[in-house]
Amino acid sequence: MKLKLIFLLPFTFCLFTSRVNALPGQTTDQVAAWIKAHPTLRPSSGETLLVRKSDTAAVRFIFQASVLAPGIATTGGDPGVIRTEQIDLFDLINGVTFDRLVESLRTIYGLGIYQDYQRARVVYAYPNEATVREARNTAAPLEEALQGELRLGDRYAYWIEIAKPRQGFPITGKIAILLKSDLDKLESELRNR
């Protein structure tokens, strides 16, 4: 029942708050306190920067705040400052779409971040036709299935991705908010994977 509420709260949550209290660039303590008080996230005992929700094995929701830049882990940065916050959805029953991920972003962060995402400029979208052809020729279904984009907004950068198989519908996806300074690193890694 809890997980169903997560997916039904987008409009209700936005009515009550349009202000976000924790985002990348803030301290781990600030973000942990925000997660703990968030009416949608409501972490279980022992959960601080990672929250897992699941009503059944077929439907899961994960929210994670990390001090690491997205992509391949690198050293550096401030271990006390959050650089990425990511929402992961897995749904064998209803599937996962870009629209559903964006509504999850709106549910968790409110109208301001949602609008920043909507206005953000797409800086990289994948796969392109050549990648799809190559993936089919080399029998690499995962490379063909991953669809996503990187966006650069006024406040943050965003990464959205689903795995859409050739047959069937996507059952997993993620949307992440990251520091704008980490966008070039992630774009380079995605272009070269």
N, C-alpha and C. Protein backbone atom coordinates (compact mmCIF):
# COMPACT_ATOMS: atom_id res chain seq x y z
N MET A 1 0.82 -1.20 0.00
CA MET A 1 0.00 0.00 0.00
C MET A 1 0.86 1.27 0.00
N LYS A 2 1.98 1.24 0.75
CA LYS A 2 2.85 2.41 0.82
C LYS A 2 3.37 2.80 -0.55
N LEU A 3 3.80 1.79 -1.33
CA LEU A 3 4.38 2.07 -2.64
C LEU A 3 3.34 2.68 -3.58
N LYS A 4 2.10 2.22 -3.49
CA LYS A 4 1.05 2.79 -4.33
C LYS A 4 0.87 4.27 -4.03
N LEU A 5 1.02 4.65 -2.78
CA LEU A 5 0.91 6.06 -2.41
C LEU A 5 2.01 6.89 -3.06
N ILE A 6 3.19 6.33 -3.17
CA ILE A 6 4.30 7.05 -3.79
C ILE A 6 3.94 7.46 -5.21
N PHE A 7 3.24 6.58 -5.92
CA PHE A 7 2.92 6.86 -7.30
C PHE A 7 1.63 7.67 -7.45
N LEU A 8 0.83 7.79 -6.38
CA LEU A 8 -0.40 8.54 -6.44
C LEU A 8 -0.27 9.94 -5.84
N LEU A 9 0.85 10.23 -5.21
CA LEU A 9 1.01 11.49 -4.50
C LEU A 9 1.53 12.67 -5.32
N PRO A 10 1.85 12.54 -6.59
CA PRO A 10 2.46 13.67 -7.28
C PRO A 10 1.69 14.98 -7.12
N PHE A 11 0.41 14.93 -7.32
CA PHE A 11 -0.36 16.17 -7.28
C PHE A 11 -0.64 16.60 -5.84
N THR A 12 -0.91 15.67 -4.96
CA THR A 12 -1.19 16.00 -3.57
C THR A 12 0.02 16.65 -2.93
N PHE A 13 1.21 16.06 -3.13
CA PHE A 13 2.42 16.58 -2.50
C PHE A 13 2.71 17.99 -3.00
N CYS A 14 2.52 18.22 -4.29
CA CYS A 14 2.83 19.54 -4.85
C CYS A 14 1.91 20.61 -4.32
N LEU A 15 0.70 20.25 -3.92
CA LEU A 15 -0.21 21.23 -3.36
C LEU A 15 0.28 21.74 -2.01
N PHE A 16 0.96 20.87 -1.26
CA PHE A 16 1.38 21.23 0.08
C PHE A 16 2.76 21.86 0.17
N THR A 17 3.59 21.62 -0.82
CA THR A 17 4.92 22.21 -0.75
C THR A 17 5.47 22.46 -2.14
N SER A 18 6.03 23.63 -2.32
CA SER A 18 6.71 23.92 -3.57
C SER A 18 8.17 24.22 -3.28
N ARG A 19 8.56 24.10 -2.03
CA ARG A 19 9.92 24.41 -1.62
C ARG A 19 10.68 23.12 -1.32
N VAL A 20 11.89 23.02 -1.82
CA VAL A 20 12.72 21.86 -1.58
C VAL A 20 13.71 22.21 -0.49
N ASN A 21 13.92 21.30 0.44
CA ASN A 21 14.81 21.57 1.55
C ASN A 21 16.17 20.92 1.42
N ALA A 22 16.35 19.99 0.52
CA ALA A 22 17.65 19.32 0.38
C ALA A 22 17.87 18.90 -1.07
N LEU A 23 19.03 19.24 -1.59
CA LEU A 23 19.39 18.92 -2.96
C LEU A 23 20.89 18.75 -3.04
N PRO A 24 21.40 18.22 -4.17
CA PRO A 24 22.85 18.14 -4.33
C PRO A 24 23.50 19.49 -4.05
N GLY A 25 24.65 19.42 -3.39
CA GLY A 25 25.35 20.63 -2.99
C GLY A 25 25.20 20.91 -1.50
N GLN A 26 24.26 20.24 -0.87
CA GLN A 26 24.07 20.41 0.57
C GLN A 26 24.78 19.29 1.32
N THR A 27 24.92 19.46 2.62
CA THR A 27 25.65 18.47 3.43
C THR A 27 24.86 17.18 3.59
N THR A 28 25.57 16.13 3.90
CA THR A 28 24.92 14.84 4.13
C THR A 28 23.95 14.93 5.30
N ASP A 29 24.29 15.69 6.32
CA ASP A 29 23.39 15.84 7.48
C ASP A 29 22.09 16.55 7.08
N GLN A 30 22.21 17.60 6.28
CA GLN A 30 21.01 18.32 5.83
C GLN A 30 20.11 17.41 5.00
N VAL A 31 20.72 16.67 4.08
CA VAL A 31 19.94 15.79 3.21
C VAL A 31 19.33 14.64 4.01
N ALA A 32 20.08 14.07 4.93
CA ALA A 32 19.54 12.97 5.76
C ALA A 32 18.35 13.44 6.58
N ALA A 33 18.42 14.65 7.14
CA ALA A 33 17.30 15.21 7.92
C ALA A 33 16.09 15.44 7.03
N TRP A 34 16.31 15.94 5.80
CA TRP A 34 15.22 16.16 4.85
C TRP A 34 14.56 14.84 4.48
N ILE A 35 15.36 13.82 4.20
CA ILE A 35 14.82 12.51 3.85
C ILE A 35 13.97 11.98 4.99
N LYS A 36 14.48 12.09 6.20
CA LYS A 36 13.77 11.57 7.38
C LYS A 36 12.41 12.25 7.56
N ALA A 37 12.34 13.55 7.27
CA ALA A 37 11.10 14.30 7.47
C ALA A 37 10.18 14.30 6.24
N HIS A 38 10.66 13.78 5.11
CA HIS A 38 9.88 13.85 3.88
C HIS A 38 8.65 12.94 3.96
N PRO A 39 7.45 13.46 3.69
CA PRO A 39 6.24 12.65 3.83
C PRO A 39 6.12 11.50 2.83
N THR A 40 6.77 11.60 1.70
CA THR A 40 6.72 10.52 0.71
C THR A 40 7.81 9.49 0.95
N LEU A 41 9.00 9.93 1.29
CA LEU A 41 10.13 9.00 1.44
C LEU A 41 10.02 8.16 2.71
N ARG A 42 9.70 8.78 3.83
CA ARG A 42 9.55 8.09 5.12
C ARG A 42 10.48 6.88 5.25
N PRO A 43 11.75 7.10 5.52
CA PRO A 43 12.70 5.98 5.60
C PRO A 43 12.40 5.06 6.78
N SER A 44 12.77 3.81 6.62
CA SER A 44 12.66 2.84 7.70
C SER A 44 13.80 3.05 8.68
N SER A 45 13.71 2.43 9.81
CA SER A 45 14.77 2.51 10.81
C SER A 45 16.09 2.07 10.18
N GLY A 46 17.12 2.87 10.37
CA GLY A 46 18.44 2.54 9.83
C GLY A 46 18.71 3.10 8.46
N GLU A 47 17.68 3.58 7.75
CA GLU A 47 17.87 4.18 6.44
C GLU A 47 18.17 5.67 6.61
N THR A 48 19.22 6.14 5.96
CA THR A 48 19.53 7.56 6.04
C THR A 48 19.58 8.18 4.65
N LEU A 49 20.57 7.83 3.84
CA LEU A 49 20.70 8.39 2.50
C LEU A 49 20.19 7.44 1.43
N LEU A 50 19.74 6.26 1.82
CA LEU A 50 19.20 5.26 0.90
C LEU A 50 17.88 4.77 1.46
N VAL A 51 16.81 4.94 0.67
CA VAL A 51 15.47 4.53 1.09
C VAL A 51 14.95 3.53 0.07
N ARG A 52 14.47 2.40 0.55
CA ARG A 52 13.90 1.35 -0.32
C ARG A 52 12.46 1.10 0.08
N LYS A 53 11.58 1.08 -0.91
CA LYS A 53 10.16 0.79 -0.69
C LYS A 53 9.75 -0.32 -1.64
N SER A 54 8.97 -1.26 -1.13
CA SER A 54 8.51 -2.35 -1.97
C SER A 54 7.26 -2.96 -1.36
N ASP A 55 6.18 -2.98 -2.13
CA ASP A 55 4.97 -3.67 -1.69
C ASP A 55 5.04 -5.14 -2.08
N THR A 56 5.61 -5.40 -3.25
CA THR A 56 5.78 -6.77 -3.74
C THR A 56 7.12 -6.85 -4.45
N ALA A 57 7.52 -8.07 -4.79
CA ALA A 57 8.77 -8.23 -5.54
C ALA A 57 8.68 -7.63 -6.93
N ALA A 58 7.47 -7.40 -7.41
CA ALA A 58 7.27 -6.89 -8.77
C ALA A 58 7.31 -5.37 -8.86
N VAL A 59 7.26 -4.67 -7.71
CA VAL A 59 7.24 -3.21 -7.72
C VAL A 59 8.17 -2.69 -6.63
N ARG A 60 9.17 -1.90 -7.06
CA ARG A 60 10.14 -1.35 -6.09
C ARG A 60 10.44 0.11 -6.41
N PHE A 61 10.77 0.84 -5.35
CA PHE A 61 11.15 2.25 -5.45
C PHE A 61 12.40 2.43 -4.59
N ILE A 62 13.41 3.10 -5.13
CA ILE A 62 14.63 3.38 -4.37
C ILE A 62 14.97 4.86 -4.55
N PHE A 63 15.28 5.51 -3.44
CA PHE A 63 15.78 6.87 -3.47
C PHE A 63 17.15 6.85 -2.82
N GLN A 64 18.15 7.44 -3.48
CA GLN A 64 19.49 7.45 -2.93
C GLN A 64 20.16 8.80 -3.14
N ALA A 65 20.74 9.31 -2.06
CA ALA A 65 21.56 10.51 -2.12
C ALA A 65 23.01 10.05 -1.96
N SER A 66 23.91 10.59 -2.77
CA SER A 66 25.29 10.12 -2.76
C SER A 66 26.29 11.27 -2.80
N VAL A 67 27.41 11.06 -2.14
CA VAL A 67 28.51 12.03 -2.17
C VAL A 67 29.36 11.85 -3.42
N LEU A 68 29.09 10.82 -4.20
CA LEU A 68 29.84 10.55 -5.43
C LEU A 68 29.16 11.17 -6.63
N ALA A 69 29.95 11.57 -7.60
CA ALA A 69 29.40 12.02 -8.87
C ALA A 69 28.80 10.81 -9.57
N PRO A 70 27.77 10.99 -10.39
CA PRO A 70 27.18 9.85 -11.09
C PRO A 70 28.16 9.25 -12.10
N GLY A 71 27.95 7.99 -12.42
CA GLY A 71 28.82 7.31 -13.37
C GLY A 71 29.92 6.56 -12.67
N ILE A 72 31.06 6.46 -13.32
CA ILE A 72 32.20 5.74 -12.76
C ILE A 72 32.72 6.49 -11.55
N ALA A 73 32.88 5.76 -10.44
CA ALA A 73 33.34 6.38 -9.19
C ALA A 73 34.76 6.92 -9.34
N THR A 74 34.94 8.13 -8.83
CA THR A 74 36.26 8.76 -8.84
C THR A 74 36.53 9.32 -7.45
N THR A 75 37.80 9.57 -7.18
CA THR A 75 38.16 10.17 -5.90
C THR A 75 38.01 11.68 -6.00
N GLY A 76 38.06 12.32 -4.87
CA GLY A 76 37.96 13.77 -4.86
C GLY A 76 36.60 14.22 -4.37
N GLY A 77 36.45 15.49 -4.28
CA GLY A 77 35.19 16.04 -3.80
C GLY A 77 35.16 16.04 -2.28
N ASP A 78 34.11 16.58 -1.76
CA ASP A 78 33.92 16.69 -0.31
C ASP A 78 33.05 15.53 0.16
N PRO A 79 33.57 14.65 1.02
CA PRO A 79 32.79 13.50 1.48
C PRO A 79 31.59 13.87 2.34
N GLY A 80 31.45 15.13 2.69
CA GLY A 80 30.31 15.57 3.48
C GLY A 80 29.25 16.31 2.68
N VAL A 81 29.42 16.34 1.34
CA VAL A 81 28.48 17.07 0.48
C VAL A 81 27.86 16.12 -0.54
N ILE A 82 26.54 16.18 -0.64
CA ILE A 82 25.81 15.35 -1.60
C ILE A 82 26.02 15.90 -3.01
N ARG A 83 26.32 14.99 -3.96
CA ARG A 83 26.53 15.41 -5.35
C ARG A 83 25.42 14.92 -6.27
N THR A 84 24.76 13.82 -5.89
CA THR A 84 23.73 13.22 -6.74
C THR A 84 22.60 12.70 -5.88
N GLU A 85 21.38 12.88 -6.36
CA GLU A 85 20.22 12.23 -5.76
C GLU A 85 19.48 11.53 -6.88
N GLN A 86 19.15 10.25 -6.65
CA GLN A 86 18.60 9.44 -7.73
C GLN A 86 17.36 8.68 -7.27
N ILE A 87 16.38 8.62 -8.16
CA ILE A 87 15.16 7.85 -7.95
C ILE A 87 15.19 6.69 -8.94
N ASP A 88 15.06 5.46 -8.44
CA ASP A 88 14.99 4.26 -9.29
C ASP A 88 13.63 3.63 -9.13
N LEU A 89 13.00 3.27 -10.25
CA LEU A 89 11.73 2.57 -10.23
C LEU A 89 11.88 1.24 -10.95
N PHE A 90 11.22 0.23 -10.41
CA PHE A 90 11.14 -1.09 -11.03
C PHE A 90 9.69 -1.52 -10.91
N ASP A 91 9.04 -1.82 -12.05
CA ASP A 91 7.64 -2.21 -12.02
C ASP A 91 7.35 -3.21 -13.13
N LEU A 92 7.25 -4.47 -12.74
CA LEU A 92 6.95 -5.53 -13.71
C LEU A 92 5.50 -5.48 -14.19
N ILE A 93 4.63 -4.87 -13.41
CA ILE A 93 3.20 -4.88 -13.71
C ILE A 93 2.82 -3.75 -14.67
N ASN A 94 3.16 -2.52 -14.32
CA ASN A 94 2.76 -1.35 -15.11
C ASN A 94 3.84 -0.78 -16.00
N GLY A 95 5.07 -1.20 -15.78
CA GLY A 95 6.18 -0.66 -16.56
C GLY A 95 6.63 0.69 -16.04
N VAL A 96 7.72 1.18 -16.60
CA VAL A 96 8.30 2.47 -16.20
C VAL A 96 8.50 3.28 -17.47
N THR A 97 7.98 4.51 -17.45
CA THR A 97 8.11 5.40 -18.60
C THR A 97 8.86 6.67 -18.17
N PHE A 98 9.29 7.44 -19.16
CA PHE A 98 9.91 8.73 -18.86
C PHE A 98 8.93 9.62 -18.09
N ASP A 99 7.66 9.64 -18.52
CA ASP A 99 6.67 10.47 -17.84
C ASP A 99 6.51 10.08 -16.38
N ARG A 100 6.51 8.81 -16.11
CA ARG A 100 6.37 8.34 -14.73
C ARG A 100 7.57 8.75 -13.88
N LEU A 101 8.76 8.68 -14.46
CA LEU A 101 9.96 9.11 -13.74
C LEU A 101 9.92 10.61 -13.44
N VAL A 102 9.47 11.39 -14.43
CA VAL A 102 9.39 12.84 -14.24
C VAL A 102 8.34 13.17 -13.17
N GLU A 103 7.23 12.45 -13.14
CA GLU A 103 6.23 12.67 -12.09
C GLU A 103 6.80 12.29 -10.72
N SER A 104 7.65 11.28 -10.66
CA SER A 104 8.31 10.94 -9.40
C SER A 104 9.21 12.08 -8.95
N LEU A 105 9.90 12.70 -9.89
CA LEU A 105 10.73 13.87 -9.58
C LEU A 105 9.87 14.97 -8.98
N ARG A 106 8.72 15.20 -9.58
CA ARG A 106 7.80 16.24 -9.09
C ARG A 106 7.27 15.88 -7.70
N THR A 107 6.97 14.62 -7.48
CA THR A 107 6.46 14.17 -6.19
C THR A 107 7.48 14.40 -5.08
N ILE A 108 8.72 14.05 -5.34
CA ILE A 108 9.76 14.15 -4.31
C ILE A 108 10.21 15.59 -4.11
N TYR A 109 10.39 16.35 -5.19
CA TYR A 109 11.03 17.66 -5.08
C TYR A 109 10.11 18.87 -5.21
N GLY A 110 8.93 18.67 -5.72
CA GLY A 110 8.01 19.79 -5.85
C GLY A 110 8.11 20.50 -7.19
N LEU A 111 7.35 21.56 -7.30
CA LEU A 111 7.17 22.26 -8.57
C LEU A 111 8.43 22.96 -9.09
N GLY A 112 9.24 23.54 -8.19
CA GLY A 112 10.42 24.29 -8.64
C GLY A 112 11.41 23.43 -9.40
N ILE A 113 11.75 22.27 -8.86
CA ILE A 113 12.68 21.36 -9.53
C ILE A 113 12.04 20.76 -10.78
N TYR A 114 10.78 20.42 -10.70
CA TYR A 114 10.06 19.89 -11.86
C TYR A 114 10.13 20.89 -13.02
N GLN A 115 9.89 22.16 -12.74
CA GLN A 115 9.94 23.18 -13.79
C GLN A 115 11.36 23.38 -14.31
N ASP A 116 12.35 23.31 -13.43
CA ASP A 116 13.74 23.42 -13.88
C ASP A 116 14.06 22.27 -14.84
N TYR A 117 13.59 21.06 -14.51
CA TYR A 117 13.79 19.90 -15.39
C TYR A 117 13.10 20.14 -16.73
N GLN A 118 11.85 20.57 -16.70
CA GLN A 118 11.08 20.76 -17.93
C GLN A 118 11.72 21.81 -18.85
N ARG A 119 12.29 22.85 -18.26
CA ARG A 119 12.93 23.91 -19.05
C ARG A 119 14.36 23.55 -19.45
N ALA A 120 14.91 22.53 -18.86
CA ALA A 120 16.32 22.18 -19.09
C ALA A 120 16.56 21.80 -20.56
N ARG A 121 17.74 22.14 -21.02
CA ARG A 121 18.15 21.86 -22.40
C ARG A 121 18.74 20.45 -22.47
N VAL A 122 18.31 19.67 -23.46
CA VAL A 122 18.87 18.33 -23.67
C VAL A 122 20.27 18.51 -24.27
N VAL A 123 21.28 17.98 -23.57
CA VAL A 123 22.66 18.10 -24.07
C VAL A 123 23.14 16.79 -24.70
N TYR A 124 22.48 15.68 -24.37
CA TYR A 124 22.85 14.40 -24.97
C TYR A 124 21.68 13.45 -24.82
N ALA A 125 21.30 12.79 -25.91
CA ALA A 125 20.24 11.78 -25.90
C ALA A 125 20.79 10.51 -26.55
N TYR A 126 20.40 9.38 -26.03
CA TYR A 126 20.89 8.10 -26.55
C TYR A 126 19.79 7.06 -26.49
N PRO A 127 19.90 6.00 -27.29
CA PRO A 127 20.94 5.73 -28.28
C PRO A 127 20.62 6.44 -29.59
N ASN A 128 21.62 6.59 -30.43
CA ASN A 128 21.36 7.10 -31.77
C ASN A 128 21.18 5.89 -32.70
N GLU A 129 20.82 6.14 -33.93
CA GLU A 129 20.53 5.04 -34.87
C GLU A 129 21.75 4.15 -35.09
N ALA A 130 22.93 4.74 -35.17
CA ALA A 130 24.14 3.94 -35.39
C ALA A 130 24.39 3.00 -34.21
N THR A 131 24.17 3.46 -33.00
CA THR A 131 24.35 2.62 -31.81
C THR A 131 23.37 1.46 -31.82
N VAL A 132 22.12 1.72 -32.20
CA VAL A 132 21.10 0.67 -32.25
C VAL A 132 21.49 -0.38 -33.29
N ARG A 133 21.92 0.06 -34.48
CA ARG A 133 22.34 -0.88 -35.53
C ARG A 133 23.51 -1.74 -35.05
N GLU A 134 24.50 -1.09 -34.46
CA GLU A 134 25.68 -1.81 -33.98
C GLU A 134 25.31 -2.81 -32.88
N ALA A 135 24.43 -2.40 -31.99
CA ALA A 135 24.00 -3.29 -30.91
C ALA A 135 23.27 -4.51 -31.46
N ARG A 136 22.46 -4.31 -32.47
CA ARG A 136 21.73 -5.44 -33.09
C ARG A 136 22.71 -6.37 -33.81
N ASN A 137 23.70 -5.79 -34.49
CA ASN A 137 24.66 -6.60 -35.24
C ASN A 137 25.58 -7.40 -34.32
N THR A 138 25.86 -6.88 -33.14
CA THR A 138 26.76 -7.57 -32.21
C THR A 138 25.99 -8.30 -31.10
N ALA A 139 24.69 -8.39 -31.25
CA ALA A 139 23.84 -9.06 -30.26
C ALA A 139 24.10 -8.51 -28.85
N ALA A 140 23.98 -7.19 -28.73
CA ALA A 140 24.15 -6.51 -27.45
C ALA A 140 22.83 -5.86 -27.06
N PRO A 141 21.87 -6.65 -26.56
CA PRO A 141 20.53 -6.11 -26.31
C PRO A 141 20.48 -5.00 -25.26
N LEU A 142 21.38 -5.01 -24.29
CA LEU A 142 21.36 -3.97 -23.27
C LEU A 142 21.71 -2.61 -23.86
N GLU A 143 22.71 -2.58 -24.75
CA GLU A 143 23.08 -1.31 -25.39
C GLU A 143 21.94 -0.76 -26.23
N GLU A 144 21.19 -1.65 -26.85
CA GLU A 144 20.04 -1.23 -27.65
C GLU A 144 18.89 -0.78 -26.75
N ALA A 145 18.74 -1.41 -25.61
CA ALA A 145 17.59 -1.15 -24.73
C ALA A 145 17.70 0.15 -23.94
N LEU A 146 18.93 0.57 -23.59
CA LEU A 146 19.08 1.76 -22.75
C LEU A 146 18.76 3.02 -23.54
N GLN A 147 17.77 3.76 -23.06
CA GLN A 147 17.37 5.01 -23.67
C GLN A 147 17.40 6.09 -22.60
N GLY A 148 18.01 7.20 -22.93
CA GLY A 148 18.07 8.24 -21.92
C GLY A 148 18.53 9.57 -22.47
N GLU A 149 18.63 10.51 -21.54
CA GLU A 149 19.13 11.82 -21.91
C GLU A 149 19.69 12.53 -20.70
N LEU A 150 20.58 13.45 -21.01
CA LEU A 150 21.14 14.36 -20.02
C LEU A 150 20.58 15.74 -20.33
N ARG A 151 20.20 16.45 -19.28
CA ARG A 151 19.65 17.79 -19.44
C ARG A 151 20.40 18.76 -18.53
N LEU A 152 20.51 19.98 -18.99
CA LEU A 152 21.13 21.03 -18.21
C LEU A 152 20.10 22.12 -17.94
N GLY A 153 19.76 22.25 -16.65
CA GLY A 153 18.80 23.26 -16.24
C GLY A 153 19.50 24.48 -15.68
N ASP A 154 18.72 25.43 -15.23
CA ASP A 154 19.29 26.63 -14.60
C ASP A 154 19.91 26.30 -13.26
N ARG A 155 19.30 25.38 -12.52
CA ARG A 155 19.78 25.06 -11.17
C ARG A 155 20.62 23.80 -11.11
N TYR A 156 20.21 22.76 -11.85
CA TYR A 156 20.87 21.45 -11.77
C TYR A 156 20.94 20.81 -13.15
N ALA A 157 21.69 19.71 -13.19
CA ALA A 157 21.70 18.84 -14.36
C ALA A 157 20.86 17.62 -14.01
N TYR A 158 20.35 16.94 -15.04
CA TYR A 158 19.45 15.81 -14.83
C TYR A 158 19.83 14.67 -15.77
N TRP A 159 19.66 13.45 -15.27
CA TRP A 159 19.91 12.25 -16.07
C TRP A 159 18.69 11.36 -15.93
N ILE A 160 18.07 11.02 -17.04
CA ILE A 160 16.92 10.13 -17.03
C ILE A 160 17.22 8.97 -17.97
N GLU A 161 16.86 7.75 -17.54
CA GLU A 161 17.18 6.57 -18.35
C GLU A 161 16.17 5.45 -18.06
N ILE A 162 15.75 4.77 -19.12
CA ILE A 162 14.95 3.56 -18.99
C ILE A 162 15.62 2.46 -19.81
N ALA A 163 15.30 1.23 -19.47
CA ALA A 163 15.75 0.08 -20.26
C ALA A 163 14.53 -0.45 -21.00
N LYS A 164 14.46 -0.17 -22.29
CA LYS A 164 13.30 -0.55 -23.10
C LYS A 164 13.69 -1.67 -24.06
N PRO A 165 13.31 -2.90 -23.74
CA PRO A 165 13.66 -4.01 -24.63
C PRO A 165 12.92 -3.91 -25.96
N ARG A 166 13.45 -4.57 -26.97
CA ARG A 166 12.83 -4.55 -28.29
C ARG A 166 11.42 -5.12 -28.22
N GLN A 167 11.23 -6.16 -27.43
CA GLN A 167 9.93 -6.77 -27.23
C GLN A 167 9.46 -6.45 -25.81
N GLY A 168 8.22 -6.06 -25.65
CA GLY A 168 7.71 -5.76 -24.32
C GLY A 168 7.83 -4.29 -23.99
N PHE A 169 7.75 -3.99 -22.70
CA PHE A 169 7.80 -2.60 -22.26
C PHE A 169 8.87 -2.45 -21.19
N PRO A 170 9.35 -1.21 -20.98
CA PRO A 170 10.40 -1.00 -19.98
C PRO A 170 9.86 -1.26 -18.57
N ILE A 171 10.66 -1.95 -17.77
CA ILE A 171 10.25 -2.27 -16.41
C ILE A 171 11.14 -1.59 -15.36
N THR A 172 12.18 -0.91 -15.81
CA THR A 172 13.08 -0.24 -14.88
C THR A 172 13.57 1.08 -15.46
N GLY A 173 13.81 2.02 -14.57
CA GLY A 173 14.31 3.31 -15.00
C GLY A 173 14.78 4.13 -13.82
N LYS A 174 15.46 5.24 -14.14
CA LYS A 174 15.97 6.12 -13.09
C LYS A 174 15.95 7.55 -13.57
N ILE A 175 15.88 8.46 -12.59
CA ILE A 175 16.04 9.88 -12.86
C ILE A 175 16.90 10.43 -11.74
N ALA A 176 17.89 11.22 -12.11
CA ALA A 176 18.85 11.73 -11.12
C ALA A 176 19.00 13.24 -11.28
N ILE A 177 19.20 13.88 -10.14
CA ILE A 177 19.58 15.29 -10.09
C ILE A 177 21.05 15.33 -9.72
N LEU A 178 21.84 16.09 -10.46
CA LEU A 178 23.26 16.16 -10.16
C LEU A 178 23.76 17.59 -10.26
N LEU A 179 24.89 17.81 -9.66
CA LEU A 179 25.52 19.12 -9.76
C LEU A 179 25.88 19.39 -11.21
N LYS A 180 25.70 20.62 -11.65
CA LYS A 180 26.01 20.98 -13.02
C LYS A 180 27.48 20.72 -13.34
N SER A 181 28.33 20.84 -12.35
CA SER A 181 29.76 20.63 -12.57
C SER A 181 30.11 19.17 -12.88
N ASP A 182 29.20 18.23 -12.61
CA ASP A 182 29.44 16.81 -12.89
C ASP A 182 28.88 16.37 -14.24
N LEU A 183 28.22 17.26 -14.95
CA LEU A 183 27.57 16.88 -16.20
C LEU A 183 28.56 16.45 -17.28
N ASP A 184 29.65 17.18 -17.47
CA ASP A 184 30.61 16.84 -18.53
C ASP A 184 31.21 15.45 -18.33
N LYS A 185 31.56 15.13 -17.09
CA LYS A 185 32.11 13.80 -16.77
C LYS A 185 31.12 12.70 -17.16
N LEU A 186 29.87 12.87 -16.74
CA LEU A 186 28.86 11.85 -17.03
C LEU A 186 28.60 11.75 -18.52
N GLU A 187 28.51 12.88 -19.20
CA GLU A 187 28.28 12.84 -20.65
C GLU A 187 29.39 12.10 -21.36
N SER A 188 30.62 12.36 -20.99
CA SER A 188 31.77 11.67 -21.61
C SER A 188 31.68 10.16 -21.38
N GLU A 189 31.33 9.74 -20.17
CA GLU A 189 31.23 8.31 -19.86
C GLU A 189 30.09 7.66 -20.65
N LEU A 190 28.96 8.33 -20.77
CA LEU A 190 27.83 7.76 -21.51
C LEU A 190 28.13 7.66 -22.99
N ARG A 191 28.82 8.65 -23.53
CA ARG A 191 29.16 8.62 -24.96
C ARG A 191 30.16 7.49 -25.28
N ASN A 192 30.96 7.12 -24.29
CA ASN A 192 32.01 6.12 -24.52
C ASN A 192 31.70 4.73 -23.99
N ARG A 193 30.50 4.51 -23.50
CA ARG A 193 30.21 3.17 -22.95
C ARG A 193 29.81 2.21 -24.03
